[in-house]
């Protein structure tokens, strides 16, 4: 078997705080005297479940605790640089990292100031590591839809300056998805990719809602479209890419084990799939780990893994020259002796 760390990849589903290294979390928490729960220290990675609202609340609480250790501009710069370094080590050539600026606004001078900071950190990290990086702004579906419109307008202002997409995250069982449609209209008019979460904690019916009401170009997860052949066919026909995150699906109880993640079903139907790590800080596995777990769970050959890597670039907003180089290197990876 060929080395999966050497396979060029695009990473399209990585959350900002969730990209933090565990060692960095511990160091920053100790610096400022932040008390971390045992599940983020001795019992890391934490045992999680999102089977009910209580389970999701516990997951979100851990995420909020982790976000609280980011207190200075240098902390933010370090997080982005280390996320880039980790992706490069995993074979990453292109990263679209997702952030909700409103979650950091109070500490960093507002949503615009924080967005400027992150984009500056992205430019710096890209120059240092050689990784192509862009930003996806994501609204929080547990907040009012008017907040989402504010973020969509913010993202639209930066559409040609490092922001490539607009998303909708948090517990997809909360709120009414259709209420966020006006925000997605704003983002679509600006030429941004529309990348809401859907089809993970809710089933195939919510995939249809995201495609029809939000006009999704990609779905964060979308993996449960496999439960309904008609829905999956609609996804394929519409050209909607699926950001599948196997480790987090199992950690949150969406599937019982990695062999239950229906990746073969999606591929056989002709779906465009980009594997992503979601929140390595909470799930304990980064980008190359997603390819390795799917290789082991479904006995995927290297040609299929190369196909997954190609699809990750096809679903991205990576520049044409970067994509062409990555495609050539994927061909070389597959042509090399195992």
C-alpha atoms as a PDB file:
ATOM      1  CA  UNK A   1       0.000   0.000   0.000  1.00  0.00           C
ATOM      2  CA  UNK A   2       1.240   3.483  -0.851  1.00  0.00           C
ATOM      3  CA  UNK A   3       1.908   6.097   1.826  1.00  0.00           C
ATOM      4  CA  UNK A   4      -1.277   8.120   2.315  1.00  0.00           C
ATOM      5  CA  UNK A   5       0.676  11.062   3.733  1.00  0.00           C
ATOM      6  CA  UNK A   6       2.259  11.463   0.296  1.00  0.00           C
ATOM      7  CA  UNK A   7      -1.087  11.537  -1.524  1.00  0.00           C
ATOM      8  CA  UNK A   8      -1.962  15.176  -2.428  1.00  0.00           C
ATOM      9  CA  UNK A   9      -5.296  16.261  -0.946  1.00  0.00           C
ATOM     10  CA  UNK A  10      -7.606  19.229  -0.542  1.00  0.00           C
ATOM     11  CA  UNK A  11      -9.143  19.651   2.903  1.00  0.00           C
ATOM     12  CA  UNK A  12     -12.626  21.138   2.709  1.00  0.00           C
ATOM     13  CA  UNK A  13     -14.136  20.439   6.139  1.00  0.00           C
ATOM     14  CA  UNK A  14     -12.055  21.750   9.031  1.00  0.00           C
ATOM     15  CA  UNK A  15     -13.407  23.976  11.789  1.00  0.00           C
ATOM     16  CA  UNK A  16     -11.271  26.787  13.146  1.00  0.00           C
ATOM     17  CA  UNK A  17     -11.039  26.017  16.870  1.00  0.00           C
ATOM     18  CA  UNK A  18     -11.336  22.308  16.195  1.00  0.00           C
ATOM     19  CA  UNK A  19      -8.116  22.427  14.175  1.00  0.00           C
ATOM     20  CA  UNK A  20      -6.075  23.261  17.281  1.00  0.00           C
ATOM     21  CA  UNK A  21      -3.374  20.849  18.375  1.00  0.00           C
ATOM     22  CA  UNK A  22      -4.101  19.148  21.671  1.00  0.00           C
ATOM     23  CA  UNK A  23      -0.666  20.120  22.994  1.00  0.00           C
ATOM     24  CA  UNK A  24      -1.363  23.759  22.113  1.00  0.00           C
ATOM     25  CA  UNK A  25      -4.685  23.650  23.977  1.00  0.00           C
ATOM     26  CA  UNK A  26      -2.940  22.356  27.109  1.00  0.00           C
ATOM     27  CA  UNK A  27      -0.153  24.921  26.870  1.00  0.00           C
ATOM     28  CA  UNK A  28      -2.445  27.929  26.383  1.00  0.00           C
ATOM     29  CA  UNK A  29      -4.803  26.773  29.133  1.00  0.00           C
ATOM     30  CA  UNK A  30      -1.899  26.426  31.582  1.00  0.00           C
ATOM     31  CA  UNK A  31      -0.575  29.857  30.624  1.00  0.00           C
ATOM     32  CA  UNK A  32      -3.821  31.595  31.535  1.00  0.00           C
ATOM     33  CA  UNK A  33      -5.024  29.309  34.315  1.00  0.00           C
ATOM     34  CA  UNK A  34      -7.966  27.958  32.319  1.00  0.00           C
ATOM     35  CA  UNK A  35      -9.372  24.849  34.008  1.00  0.00           C
ATOM     36  CA  UNK A  36      -9.964  22.186  31.386  1.00  0.00           C
ATOM     37  CA  UNK A  37     -12.343  19.268  31.940  1.00  0.00           C
ATOM     38  CA  UNK A  38     -10.761  15.839  32.267  1.00  0.00           C
ATOM     39  CA  UNK A  39     -12.115  14.858  28.854  1.00  0.00           C
ATOM     40  CA  UNK A  40      -9.761  17.422  27.308  1.00  0.00           C
ATOM     41  CA  UNK A  41      -6.779  16.384  29.421  1.00  0.00           C
ATOM     42  CA  UNK A  42      -6.289  12.838  30.756  1.00  0.00           C
ATOM     43  CA  UNK A  43      -9.265  11.332  28.916  1.00  0.00           C
ATOM     44  CA  UNK A  44      -8.475  12.919  25.539  1.00  0.00           C
ATOM     45  CA  UNK A  45      -9.845  12.427  22.928  1.00  0.00           C
ATOM     46  CA  UNK A  46     -13.184  12.734  24.702  1.00  0.00           C
ATOM     47  CA  UNK A  47     -15.972  10.199  24.496  1.00  0.00           C
ATOM     48  CA  UNK A  48     -18.718  11.995  22.662  1.00  0.00           C
ATOM     49  CA  UNK A  49     -22.259  11.448  21.491  1.00  0.00           C
ATOM     50  CA  UNK A  50     -24.795  13.623  19.740  1.00  0.00           C
ATOM     51  CA  UNK A  51     -27.659  11.171  19.875  1.00  0.00           C
ATOM     52  CA  UNK A  52     -29.700  13.698  21.834  1.00  0.00           C
ATOM     53  CA  UNK A  53     -29.572  17.402  22.636  1.00  0.00           C
ATOM     54  CA  UNK A  54     -27.783  16.731  25.911  1.00  0.00           C
ATOM     55  CA  UNK A  55     -25.015  14.924  24.073  1.00  0.00           C
ATOM     56  CA  UNK A  56     -24.617  17.771  21.598  1.00  0.00           C
ATOM     57  CA  UNK A  57     -24.587  20.284  24.459  1.00  0.00           C
ATOM     58  CA  UNK A  58     -21.657  18.434  26.058  1.00  0.00           C
ATOM     59  CA  UNK A  59     -19.823  18.430  22.730  1.00  0.00           C
ATOM     60  CA  UNK A  60     -20.483  22.148  22.224  1.00  0.00           C
ATOM     61  CA  UNK A  61     -19.344  22.920  25.779  1.00  0.00           C
ATOM     62  CA  UNK A  62     -15.975  21.291  25.101  1.00  0.00           C
ATOM     63  CA  UNK A  63     -15.678  23.303  21.903  1.00  0.00           C
ATOM     64  CA  UNK A  64     -16.453  26.539  23.762  1.00  0.00           C
ATOM     65  CA  UNK A  65     -13.886  25.737  26.462  1.00  0.00           C
ATOM     66  CA  UNK A  66     -11.254  25.171  23.788  1.00  0.00           C
ATOM     67  CA  UNK A  67     -12.130  28.437  22.062  1.00  0.00           C
ATOM     68  CA  UNK A  68     -11.699  30.313  25.355  1.00  0.00           C
ATOM     69  CA  UNK A  69      -7.924  29.732  25.379  1.00  0.00           C
ATOM     70  CA  UNK A  70      -7.485  31.862  22.243  1.00  0.00           C
ATOM     71  CA  UNK A  71      -6.827  35.222  23.878  1.00  0.00           C
ATOM     72  CA  UNK A  72      -4.240  37.070  21.796  1.00  0.00           C
ATOM     73  CA  UNK A  73      -3.516  37.714  18.146  1.00  0.00           C
ATOM     74  CA  UNK A  74      -0.448  35.511  18.472  1.00  0.00           C
ATOM     75  CA  UNK A  75      -2.675  32.656  19.679  1.00  0.00           C
ATOM     76  CA  UNK A  76      -4.788  32.950  16.549  1.00  0.00           C
ATOM     77  CA  UNK A  77      -1.707  33.177  14.352  1.00  0.00           C
ATOM     78  CA  UNK A  78      -0.270  30.069  15.993  1.00  0.00           C
ATOM     79  CA  UNK A  79      -3.469  28.091  15.534  1.00  0.00           C
ATOM     80  CA  UNK A  80      -3.638  28.847  11.805  1.00  0.00           C
ATOM     81  CA  UNK A  81       0.064  28.169  11.275  1.00  0.00           C
ATOM     82  CA  UNK A  82      -0.057  24.842  13.111  1.00  0.00           C
ATOM     83  CA  UNK A  83      -3.221  23.772  11.285  1.00  0.00           C
ATOM     84  CA  UNK A  84      -1.421  24.483   8.014  1.00  0.00           C
ATOM     85  CA  UNK A  85       1.678  22.569   9.123  1.00  0.00           C
ATOM     86  CA  UNK A  86      -0.446  19.577  10.113  1.00  0.00           C
ATOM     87  CA  UNK A  87      -2.272  19.557   6.791  1.00  0.00           C
ATOM     88  CA  UNK A  88       1.004  19.730   4.856  1.00  0.00           C
ATOM     89  CA  UNK A  89       2.334  16.791   6.893  1.00  0.00           C
ATOM     90  CA  UNK A  90      -0.818  14.882   5.875  1.00  0.00           C
ATOM     91  CA  UNK A  91      -0.351  15.613   2.176  1.00  0.00           C
ATOM     92  CA  UNK A  92      -2.555  18.684   2.086  1.00  0.00           C
ATOM     93  CA  UNK A  93      -2.099  21.112  -0.793  1.00  0.00           C
ATOM     94  CA  UNK A  94      -5.247  23.215  -0.281  1.00  0.00           C
ATOM     95  CA  UNK A  95      -7.293  24.044   2.828  1.00  0.00           C
ATOM     96  CA  UNK A  96     -10.658  25.767   3.204  1.00  0.00           C
ATOM     97  CA  UNK A  97     -10.931  26.407   6.938  1.00  0.00           C
ATOM     98  CA  UNK A  98     -14.317  27.318   8.390  1.00  0.00           C
ATOM     99  CA  UNK A  99     -14.886  29.973  11.044  1.00  0.00           C
ATOM    100  CA  UNK A 100     -17.773  31.835  12.668  1.00  0.00           C
ATOM    101  CA  UNK A 101     -16.319  35.298  13.417  1.00  0.00           C
ATOM    102  CA  UNK A 102     -19.136  36.128  15.824  1.00  0.00           C
ATOM    103  CA  UNK A 103     -17.790  33.494  18.232  1.00  0.00           C
ATOM    104  CA  UNK A 104     -14.581  35.518  18.640  1.00  0.00           C
ATOM    105  CA  UNK A 105     -15.872  39.067  18.114  1.00  0.00           C
ATOM    106  CA  UNK A 106     -16.102  40.109  21.780  1.00  0.00           C
ATOM    107  CA  UNK A 107     -12.441  39.361  22.436  1.00  0.00           C
ATOM    108  CA  UNK A 108     -10.972  40.575  19.152  1.00  0.00           C
ATOM    109  CA  UNK A 109     -12.742  43.848  18.429  1.00  0.00           C
ATOM    110  CA  UNK A 110     -15.763  42.718  16.413  1.00  0.00           C
ATOM    111  CA  UNK A 111     -16.480  40.416  13.508  1.00  0.00           C
ATOM    112  CA  UNK A 112     -14.734  42.559  10.897  1.00  0.00           C
ATOM    113  CA  UNK A 113     -11.565  43.004  12.953  1.00  0.00           C
ATOM    114  CA  UNK A 114     -11.410  39.280  13.677  1.00  0.00           C
ATOM    115  CA  UNK A 115     -11.977  38.397  10.023  1.00  0.00           C
ATOM    116  CA  UNK A 116      -9.141  40.728   9.026  1.00  0.00           C
ATOM    117  CA  UNK A 117      -6.917  39.079  11.625  1.00  0.00           C
ATOM    118  CA  UNK A 118      -7.672  35.553  10.433  1.00  0.00           C
ATOM    119  CA  UNK A 119      -7.127  36.454   6.784  1.00  0.00           C
ATOM    120  CA  UNK A 120      -3.765  37.971   7.688  1.00  0.00           C
ATOM    121  CA  UNK A 121      -2.886  34.787   9.596  1.00  0.00           C
ATOM    122  CA  UNK A 122      -3.952  32.718   6.588  1.00  0.00           C
ATOM    123  CA  UNK A 123      -1.661  34.682   4.273  1.00  0.00           C
ATOM    124  CA  UNK A 124       1.235  34.309   6.693  1.00  0.00           C
ATOM    125  CA  UNK A 125       0.681  30.565   7.211  1.00  0.00           C
ATOM    126  CA  UNK A 126       0.375  29.992   3.472  1.00  0.00           C
ATOM    127  CA  UNK A 127       3.677  31.752   2.803  1.00  0.00           C
ATOM    128  CA  UNK A 128       5.433  29.822   5.573  1.00  0.00           C
ATOM    129  CA  UNK A 129       4.150  26.356   4.667  1.00  0.00           C
ATOM    130  CA  UNK A 130       3.360  26.508   0.948  1.00  0.00           C
ATOM    131  CA  UNK A 131      -0.207  25.355   1.628  1.00  0.00           C
ATOM    132  CA  UNK A 132      -2.960  27.121  -0.310  1.00  0.00           C
ATOM    133  CA  UNK A 133      -5.520  28.358   2.229  1.00  0.00           C
ATOM    134  CA  UNK A 134      -8.900  30.076   1.952  1.00  0.00           C
ATOM    135  CA  UNK A 135     -11.629  30.891   4.453  1.00  0.00           C
ATOM    136  CA  UNK A 136     -15.254  29.820   4.730  1.00  0.00           C
ATOM    137  CA  UNK A 137     -17.456  31.982   6.952  1.00  0.00           C
ATOM    138  CA  UNK A 138     -20.115  29.937   8.729  1.00  0.00           C
ATOM    139  CA  UNK A 139     -23.215  31.180  10.504  1.00  0.00           C
ATOM    140  CA  UNK A 140     -24.504  29.463  13.640  1.00  0.00           C
ATOM    141  CA  UNK A 141     -27.937  27.906  13.182  1.00  0.00           C
ATOM    142  CA  UNK A 142     -28.694  28.220  16.910  1.00  0.00           C
ATOM    143  CA  UNK A 143     -28.624  32.021  16.523  1.00  0.00           C
ATOM    144  CA  UNK A 144     -31.152  34.273  14.816  1.00  0.00           C
ATOM    145  CA  UNK A 145     -31.251  34.150  10.995  1.00  0.00           C
ATOM    146  CA  UNK A 146     -30.603  37.906  10.929  1.00  0.00           C
ATOM    147  CA  UNK A 147     -27.160  37.187  12.409  1.00  0.00           C
ATOM    148  CA  UNK A 148     -26.563  34.877   9.469  1.00  0.00           C
ATOM    149  CA  UNK A 149     -27.397  37.696   7.053  1.00  0.00           C
ATOM    150  CA  UNK A 150     -24.861  39.926   8.780  1.00  0.00           C
ATOM    151  CA  UNK A 151     -22.183  37.266   8.353  1.00  0.00           C
ATOM    152  CA  UNK A 152     -23.188  36.663   4.735  1.00  0.00           C
ATOM    153  CA  UNK A 153     -22.744  40.360   3.977  1.00  0.00           C
ATOM    154  CA  UNK A 154     -19.375  40.283   5.725  1.00  0.00           C
ATOM    155  CA  UNK A 155     -18.285  37.266   3.669  1.00  0.00           C
ATOM    156  CA  UNK A 156     -19.496  38.939   0.480  1.00  0.00           C
ATOM    157  CA  UNK A 157     -17.264  41.948   1.162  1.00  0.00           C
ATOM    158  CA  UNK A 158     -14.236  39.643   1.164  1.00  0.00           C
ATOM    159  CA  UNK A 159     -15.306  37.441  -1.755  1.00  0.00           C
ATOM    160  CA  UNK A 160     -12.212  38.358  -3.764  1.00  0.00           C
ATOM    161  CA  UNK A 161      -9.874  38.676  -0.766  1.00  0.00           C
ATOM    162  CA  UNK A 162      -9.542  35.204   0.696  1.00  0.00           C
ATOM    163  CA  UNK A 163     -13.090  34.132   1.552  1.00  0.00           C
ATOM    164  CA  UNK A 164     -14.477  31.523  -0.832  1.00  0.00           C
ATOM    165  CA  UNK A 165     -17.592  30.143   0.873  1.00  0.00           C
ATOM    166  CA  UNK A 166     -20.483  30.627   3.252  1.00  0.00           C
ATOM    167  CA  UNK A 167     -21.796  27.888   5.535  1.00  0.00           C
ATOM    168  CA  UNK A 168     -24.229  27.054   8.312  1.00  0.00           C
ATOM    169  CA  UNK A 169     -23.015  24.976  11.230  1.00  0.00           C
ATOM    170  CA  UNK A 170     -23.860  23.705  14.736  1.00  0.00           C
ATOM    171  CA  UNK A 171     -26.621  21.199  15.593  1.00  0.00           C
ATOM    172  CA  UNK A 172     -28.647  20.775  12.403  1.00  0.00           C
ATOM    173  CA  UNK A 173     -31.644  19.682  14.488  1.00  0.00           C
ATOM    174  CA  UNK A 174     -31.934  23.250  15.802  1.00  0.00           C
ATOM    175  CA  UNK A 175     -33.642  26.138  14.073  1.00  0.00           C
ATOM    176  CA  UNK A 176     -35.524  26.129  10.782  1.00  0.00           C
ATOM    177  CA  UNK A 177     -33.215  25.719   7.815  1.00  0.00           C
ATOM    178  CA  UNK A 178     -35.443  27.617   5.385  1.00  0.00           C
ATOM    179  CA  UNK A 179     -35.198  30.714   7.614  1.00  0.00           C
ATOM    180  CA  UNK A 180     -31.537  31.011   6.656  1.00  0.00           C
ATOM    181  CA  UNK A 181     -32.223  31.076   2.923  1.00  0.00           C
ATOM    182  CA  UNK A 182     -31.973  34.905   2.630  1.00  0.00           C
ATOM    183  CA  UNK A 183     -28.426  34.783   4.002  1.00  0.00           C
ATOM    184  CA  UNK A 184     -27.490  32.219   1.376  1.00  0.00           C
ATOM    185  CA  UNK A 185     -28.985  34.414  -1.347  1.00  0.00           C
ATOM    186  CA  UNK A 186     -26.618  37.200  -0.275  1.00  0.00           C
ATOM    187  CA  UNK A 187     -23.657  34.813  -0.396  1.00  0.00           C
ATOM    188  CA  UNK A 188     -24.665  33.352  -3.751  1.00  0.00           C
ATOM    189  CA  UNK A 189     -24.929  36.806  -5.339  1.00  0.00           C
ATOM    190  CA  UNK A 190     -21.344  37.421  -4.231  1.00  0.00           C
ATOM    191  CA  UNK A 191     -20.194  34.251  -5.998  1.00  0.00           C
ATOM    192  CA  UNK A 192     -19.377  32.354  -2.827  1.00  0.00           C
ATOM    193  CA  UNK A 193     -19.636  28.591  -2.481  1.00  0.00           C
ATOM    194  CA  UNK A 194     -22.674  27.594  -0.428  1.00  0.00           C
ATOM    195  CA  UNK A 195     -21.625  24.920   2.066  1.00  0.00           C
ATOM    196  CA  UNK A 196     -24.203  24.332   4.843  1.00  0.00           C
ATOM    197  CA  UNK A 197     -24.015  21.402   7.230  1.00  0.00           C
ATOM    198  CA  UNK A 198     -26.713  18.813   6.570  1.00  0.00           C
ATOM    199  CA  UNK A 199     -27.325  15.110   6.421  1.00  0.00           C
ATOM    200  CA  UNK A 200     -25.382  14.114   9.522  1.00  0.00           C
ATOM    201  CA  UNK A 201     -27.526  14.504  12.636  1.00  0.00           C
ATOM    202  CA  UNK A 202     -30.638  14.615  10.460  1.00  0.00           C
ATOM    203  CA  UNK A 203     -31.447  12.236   7.641  1.00  0.00           C
ATOM    204  CA  UNK A 204     -31.928  12.374   3.899  1.00  0.00           C
ATOM    205  CA  UNK A 205     -34.976  14.641   4.157  1.00  0.00           C
ATOM    206  CA  UNK A 206     -32.778  17.427   5.496  1.00  0.00           C
ATOM    207  CA  UNK A 207     -30.344  16.915   2.634  1.00  0.00           C
ATOM    208  CA  UNK A 208     -33.222  17.756   0.287  1.00  0.00           C
ATOM    209  CA  UNK A 209     -34.013  20.885   2.315  1.00  0.00           C
ATOM    210  CA  UNK A 210     -30.420  22.106   2.143  1.00  0.00           C
ATOM    211  CA  UNK A 211     -30.241  21.508  -1.595  1.00  0.00           C
ATOM    212  CA  UNK A 212     -33.640  23.012  -2.429  1.00  0.00           C
ATOM    213  CA  UNK A 213     -33.866  25.904   0.054  1.00  0.00           C
ATOM    214  CA  UNK A 214     -30.211  26.868   0.502  1.00  0.00           C
ATOM    215  CA  UNK A 215     -29.002  25.819  -2.993  1.00  0.00           C
ATOM    216  CA  UNK A 216     -25.991  24.046  -1.513  1.00  0.00           C
ATOM    217  CA  UNK A 217     -22.924  23.554  -3.706  1.00  0.00           C
ATOM    218  CA  UNK A 218     -21.424  21.246  -1.099  1.00  0.00           C
ATOM    219  CA  UNK A 219     -22.870  19.691   2.022  1.00  0.00           C
ATOM    220  CA  UNK A 220     -20.996  19.587   5.282  1.00  0.00           C
ATOM    221  CA  UNK A 221     -21.262  15.827   5.842  1.00  0.00           C
ATOM    222  CA  UNK A 222     -24.310  14.894   3.707  1.00  0.00           C
ATOM    223  CA  UNK A 223     -23.424  11.287   4.394  1.00  0.00           C
ATOM    224  CA  UNK A 224     -26.965  10.242   5.287  1.00  0.00           C
ATOM    225  CA  UNK A 225     -28.126  10.912   1.752  1.00  0.00           C
ATOM    226  CA  UNK A 226     -27.095   7.262   1.349  1.00  0.00           C
ATOM    227  CA  UNK A 227     -30.222   6.285   3.315  1.00  0.00           C
ATOM    228  CA  UNK A 228     -32.498   7.200   0.387  1.00  0.00           C
ATOM    229  CA  UNK A 229     -31.478   6.219  -3.171  1.00  0.00           C
ATOM    230  CA  UNK A 230     -33.747   8.894  -4.673  1.00  0.00           C
ATOM    231  CA  UNK A 231     -32.176  11.614  -2.536  1.00  0.00           C
ATOM    232  CA  UNK A 232     -28.688  10.391  -3.331  1.00  0.00           C
ATOM    233  CA  UNK A 233     -29.530  10.445  -7.034  1.00  0.00           C
ATOM    234  CA  UNK A 234     -30.719  14.051  -6.699  1.00  0.00           C
ATOM    235  CA  UNK A 235     -27.478  14.987  -4.972  1.00  0.00           C
ATOM    236  CA  UNK A 236     -25.430  13.369  -7.721  1.00  0.00           C
ATOM    237  CA  UNK A 237     -27.507  14.888 -10.523  1.00  0.00           C
ATOM    238  CA  UNK A 238     -27.241  18.333  -8.943  1.00  0.00           C
ATOM    239  CA  UNK A 239     -23.466  18.009  -8.640  1.00  0.00           C
ATOM    240  CA  UNK A 240     -23.531  18.636  -4.884  1.00  0.00           C
ATOM    241  CA  UNK A 241     -20.279  17.492  -3.273  1.00  0.00           C
ATOM    242  CA  UNK A 242     -20.294  15.772   0.135  1.00  0.00           C
ATOM    243  CA  UNK A 243     -17.742  16.611   2.821  1.00  0.00           C
ATOM    244  CA  UNK A 244     -17.606  13.251   4.583  1.00  0.00           C
ATOM    245  CA  UNK A 245     -15.896  13.122   7.992  1.00  0.00           C
ATOM    246  CA  UNK A 246     -15.765   9.440   9.029  1.00  0.00           C
ATOM    247  CA  UNK A 247     -14.090   9.726  12.430  1.00  0.00           C
ATOM    248  CA  UNK A 248     -16.427  12.426  13.699  1.00  0.00           C
ATOM    249  CA  UNK A 249     -19.471  10.528  12.380  1.00  0.00           C
ATOM    250  CA  UNK A 250     -18.538   7.566  14.548  1.00  0.00           C
ATOM    251  CA  UNK A 251     -17.475   9.660  17.552  1.00  0.00           C
ATOM    252  CA  UNK A 252     -20.821  11.465  17.593  1.00  0.00           C
ATOM    253  CA  UNK A 253     -22.796   8.235  17.238  1.00  0.00           C
ATOM    254  CA  UNK A 254     -24.103   8.841  13.734  1.00  0.00           C
ATOM    255  CA  UNK A 255     -22.670   5.421  12.822  1.00  0.00           C
ATOM    256  CA  UNK A 256     -21.713   2.632  15.175  1.00  0.00           C
ATOM    257  CA  UNK A 257     -18.302   1.998  13.633  1.00  0.00           C
ATOM    258  CA  UNK A 258     -16.133   3.024  10.696  1.00  0.00           C
ATOM    259  CA  UNK A 259     -17.250   0.114   8.523  1.00  0.00           C
ATOM    260  CA  UNK A 260     -20.813   1.471   8.781  1.00  0.00           C
ATOM    261  CA  UNK A 261     -19.883   4.814   7.192  1.00  0.00           C
ATOM    262  CA  UNK A 262     -21.521   4.350   3.760  1.00  0.00           C
ATOM    263  CA  UNK A 263     -18.645   5.655   1.648  1.00  0.00           C
ATOM    264  CA  UNK A 264     -18.865   2.784  -0.895  1.00  0.00           C
ATOM    265  CA  UNK A 265     -22.576   3.499  -1.410  1.00  0.00           C
ATOM    266  CA  UNK A 266     -21.838   7.151  -2.107  1.00  0.00           C
ATOM    267  CA  UNK A 267     -19.032   6.341  -4.530  1.00  0.00           C
ATOM    268  CA  UNK A 268     -21.007   3.690  -6.379  1.00  0.00           C
ATOM    269  CA  UNK A 269     -23.800   6.228  -6.917  1.00  0.00           C
ATOM    270  CA  UNK A 270     -21.327   8.640  -8.489  1.00  0.00           C
ATOM    271  CA  UNK A 271     -21.259  11.196  -5.666  1.00  0.00           C
ATOM    272  CA  UNK A 272     -18.400  13.653  -5.372  1.00  0.00           C
ATOM    273  CA  UNK A 273     -16.857  13.033  -1.948  1.00  0.00           C
ATOM    274  CA  UNK A 274     -14.172  15.016  -0.129  1.00  0.00           C
ATOM    275  CA  UNK A 275     -12.939  13.452   3.093  1.00  0.00           C
ATOM    276  CA  UNK A 276     -12.437  15.874   5.992  1.00  0.00           C
ATOM    277  CA  UNK A 277     -11.275  15.804   9.606  1.00  0.00           C
ATOM    278  CA  UNK A 278     -13.985  18.140  11.010  1.00  0.00           C
ATOM    279  CA  UNK A 279     -12.536  18.842  14.504  1.00  0.00           C
ATOM    280  CA  UNK A 280      -9.272  16.961  15.122  1.00  0.00           C
ATOM    281  CA  UNK A 281      -9.009  18.534  18.574  1.00  0.00           C
ATOM    282  CA  UNK A 282     -12.153  16.713  19.693  1.00  0.00           C
ATOM    283  CA  UNK A 283     -12.039  13.616  17.500  1.00  0.00           C
ATOM    284  CA  UNK A 284      -8.327  12.877  17.642  1.00  0.00           C
ATOM    285  CA  UNK A 285      -7.755  12.249  13.917  1.00  0.00           C
ATOM    286  CA  UNK A 286      -6.484  14.530  11.166  1.00  0.00           C
ATOM    287  CA  UNK A 287      -6.793  14.501   7.384  1.00  0.00           C
ATOM    288  CA  UNK A 288      -4.617  11.518   6.453  1.00  0.00           C
ATOM    289  CA  UNK A 289      -6.361   9.562   9.199  1.00  0.00           C
ATOM    290  CA  UNK A 290      -9.672   9.838   7.360  1.00  0.00           C
ATOM    291  CA  UNK A 291      -8.175   8.199   4.284  1.00  0.00           C
ATOM    292  CA  UNK A 292      -6.478   5.539   6.402  1.00  0.00           C
ATOM    293  CA  UNK A 293      -9.648   4.630   8.309  1.00  0.00           C
ATOM    294  CA  UNK A 294     -11.690   4.341   5.130  1.00  0.00           C
ATOM    295  CA  UNK A 295      -8.966   2.292   3.454  1.00  0.00           C
ATOM    296  CA  UNK A 296      -9.001  -0.132   6.385  1.00  0.00           C
ATOM    297  CA  UNK A 297     -12.761  -0.191   6.991  1.00  0.00           C
ATOM    298  CA  UNK A 298     -13.767  -0.699   3.348  1.00  0.00           C
ATOM    299  CA  UNK A 299     -10.638  -2.301   1.889  1.00  0.00           C
ATOM    300  CA  UNK A 300     -10.225   0.567  -0.585  1.00  0.00           C
ATOM    301  CA  UNK A 301      -7.537   0.179  -3.202  1.00  0.00           C
ATOM    302  CA  UNK A 302      -5.112   2.955  -4.023  1.00  0.00           C
ATOM    303  CA  UNK A 303      -6.937   3.869  -7.229  1.00  0.00           C
ATOM    304  CA  UNK A 304     -10.070   4.615  -5.197  1.00  0.00           C
ATOM    305  CA  UNK A 305      -8.082   6.656  -2.681  1.00  0.00           C
ATOM    306  CA  UNK A 306      -6.540   8.626  -5.533  1.00  0.00           C
ATOM    307  CA  UNK A 307     -10.027   9.177  -6.924  1.00  0.00           C
ATOM    308  CA  UNK A 308     -11.120  10.583  -3.547  1.00  0.00           C
ATOM    309  CA  UNK A 309      -8.148  12.935  -3.548  1.00  0.00           C
ATOM    310  CA  UNK A 310      -8.982  14.143  -7.056  1.00  0.00           C
ATOM    311  CA  UNK A 311     -12.586  14.777  -6.067  1.00  0.00           C
ATOM    312  CA  UNK A 312     -11.461  16.874  -3.103  1.00  0.00           C
ATOM    313  CA  UNK A 313      -9.753  19.276  -5.519  1.00  0.00           C
ATOM    314  CA  UNK A 314     -12.661  19.204  -7.964  1.00  0.00           C
ATOM    315  CA  UNK A 315     -15.043  20.315  -5.187  1.00  0.00           C
ATOM    316  CA  UNK A 316     -12.726  23.073  -3.981  1.00  0.00           C
ATOM    317  CA  UNK A 317     -12.046  26.664  -4.957  1.00  0.00           C
ATOM    318  CA  UNK A 318      -8.338  25.968  -5.350  1.00  0.00           C
ATOM    319  CA  UNK A 319      -6.705  27.972  -8.168  1.00  0.00           C
ATOM    320  CA  UNK A 320      -6.417  26.187 -11.497  1.00  0.00           C
ATOM    321  CA  UNK A 321      -2.612  26.015 -11.433  1.00  0.00           C
ATOM    322  CA  UNK A 322      -2.572  24.490  -7.955  1.00  0.00           C
ATOM    323  CA  UNK A 323      -5.169  21.935  -8.990  1.00  0.00           C
ATOM    324  CA  UNK A 324      -3.219  21.013 -12.106  1.00  0.00           C
ATOM    325  CA  UNK A 325      -0.033  20.413 -10.110  1.00  0.00           C
ATOM    326  CA  UNK A 326      -1.919  18.372  -7.531  1.00  0.00           C
ATOM    327  CA  UNK A 327      -3.580  16.251 -10.229  1.00  0.00           C
ATOM    328  CA  UNK A 328      -0.198  15.499 -11.782  1.00  0.00           C
ATOM    329  CA  UNK A 329       1.239  14.537  -8.411  1.00  0.00           C
ATOM    330  CA  UNK A 330      -1.757  12.292  -7.667  1.00  0.00           C
ATOM    331  CA  UNK A 331      -1.058  10.512 -10.977  1.00  0.00           C
ATOM    332  CA  UNK A 332       2.599  10.159  -9.982  1.00  0.00           C
ATOM    333  CA  UNK A 333       1.617   8.806  -6.545  1.00  0.00           C
ATOM    334  CA  UNK A 334      -0.560   6.167  -8.149  1.00  0.00           C
ATOM    335  CA  UNK A 335       2.051   5.281 -10.770  1.00  0.00           C
ATOM    336  CA  UNK A 336       4.817   4.805  -8.204  1.00  0.00           C
ATOM    337  CA  UNK A 337       5.514   1.300  -6.866  1.00  0.00           C
ATOM    338  CA  UNK A 338       3.463   0.384  -3.828  1.00  0.00           C
END
